[in-house]
Protein backbone atom coordinates (compact mmCIF):
# COMPACT_ATOMS: atom_id res chain seq x y z
CA MET A 1 0.00 0.00 0.00
CA ALA A 2 1.21 3.47 -0.87
CA THR A 3 2.31 5.67 2.00
CA ILE A 4 1.86 9.01 0.24
CA LYS A 5 -1.67 10.37 0.57
CA VAL A 6 -3.14 12.85 -1.90
CA PHE A 7 -6.42 14.67 -1.34
CA ALA A 8 -8.36 14.91 -4.58
CA ASP A 9 -9.89 18.38 -4.54
CA THR A 10 -12.38 19.55 -7.16
CA ASN A 11 -9.74 21.31 -9.23
CA THR A 12 -7.68 18.10 -9.39
CA LEU A 13 -10.59 16.12 -10.83
CA TYR A 14 -11.20 18.52 -13.71
CA PRO A 15 -10.15 18.60 -16.50
CA TYR A 16 -10.93 14.96 -17.03
CA TYR A 17 -7.51 13.96 -18.35
CA ILE A 18 -6.02 15.10 -15.03
CA CYS A 19 -8.68 13.12 -13.18
CA ASP A 20 -7.87 10.01 -15.24
CA LEU A 21 -4.16 10.40 -14.59
CA LEU A 22 -4.63 10.95 -10.85
CA LEU A 23 -6.95 7.99 -10.42
CA HIS A 24 -4.83 5.71 -12.62
CA CYS A 25 -1.75 6.51 -10.50
CA ALA A 26 -3.77 5.71 -7.39
CA GLU A 27 -4.88 2.40 -8.93
CA GLU A 28 -1.22 1.61 -9.59
CA ASP A 29 -0.56 2.26 -5.88
CA LEU A 30 1.79 5.19 -6.48
CA PHE A 31 -0.13 7.00 -3.75
CA THR A 32 -3.41 6.76 -1.90
CA VAL A 33 -6.04 9.14 -3.18
CA LEU A 34 -8.28 10.61 -0.47
CA TRP A 35 -11.78 11.95 -1.08
CA THR A 36 -14.84 13.10 0.86
CA GLU A 37 -18.57 13.01 0.19
CA ASP A 38 -18.47 16.81 0.32
CA LEU A 39 -15.98 16.78 -2.55
CA LEU A 40 -18.09 14.43 -4.66
CA THR A 41 -21.22 16.47 -3.96
CA GLU A 42 -19.38 19.59 -5.11
CA LEU A 43 -18.26 17.84 -8.29
CA ILE A 44 -21.82 16.79 -9.10
CA GLU A 45 -23.00 20.37 -8.65
CA VAL A 46 -20.14 22.21 -10.36
CA LEU A 47 -18.84 20.12 -13.26
CA PRO A 48 -22.05 19.94 -15.33
CA ARG A 49 -22.14 23.75 -15.47
CA ASN A 50 -19.57 23.81 -18.29
CA LYS A 51 -21.94 21.65 -20.38
CA ARG A 52 -19.18 19.20 -21.40
CA LYS A 53 -20.48 16.44 -19.13
CA SER A 54 -24.01 15.78 -17.99
CA ARG A 55 -24.95 15.57 -14.34
CA LYS A 56 -25.63 11.85 -14.85
CA SER A 57 -22.13 11.37 -16.27
CA VAL A 58 -20.51 13.15 -13.31
CA GLU A 59 -22.64 11.15 -10.88
CA GLY A 60 -21.37 7.98 -12.58
CA MET A 61 -17.78 9.17 -12.22
CA CYS A 62 -18.33 9.83 -8.51
CA ASP A 63 -19.92 6.40 -8.04
CA ALA A 64 -16.87 4.86 -9.74
CA ILE A 65 -14.55 6.72 -7.34
CA ARG A 66 -16.57 5.43 -4.38
CA ARG A 67 -16.38 1.84 -5.66
CA ALA A 68 -12.71 1.94 -6.68
CA PHE A 69 -11.39 3.66 -3.55
CA PRO A 70 -13.80 2.96 -0.66
CA GLU A 71 -10.98 2.80 1.89
CA ALA A 72 -9.81 6.27 0.87
CA GLU A 73 -12.90 8.13 2.03
CA VAL A 74 -12.22 10.75 4.69
CA PHE A 75 -15.31 11.14 6.82
CA ARG A 76 -16.54 14.60 7.76
CA GLU A 77 -15.84 14.13 11.47
CA ALA A 78 -12.16 13.67 10.62
CA TYR A 79 -11.82 17.20 9.27
CA GLU A 80 -14.80 19.24 10.45
CA ASP A 81 -14.15 21.51 13.43
CA SER A 82 -10.46 20.73 13.24
CA GLY A 83 -7.77 23.37 13.44
CA SER A 84 -5.61 21.49 10.95
CA ARG A 85 -7.04 19.01 8.49
CA CYS A 86 -3.61 17.70 7.60
CA ASN A 87 -3.14 16.41 11.12
CA THR A 88 -6.43 14.53 11.13
CA ILE A 89 -5.83 12.53 7.95
CA ARG A 90 -3.63 9.54 8.65
């Protein structure tokens, strides 16, 4: 298992070729990608605005991230009300 952890923020999951590269590297165990439900919710709301991908397509992408990396989810209680998020993600 990779020891480097990378938080996938909205701007790292768009454009899609960056998203593909990031997730492929995580699949190859070069690092562990971290994500939150808040992030995926934001993606579903924001990405369809540019009209390149439909909401359904983005929802499918988010479902794929959930299925491919279930152990990488960071739950809200791990970062909410914390002075430093970096210290709460282990």
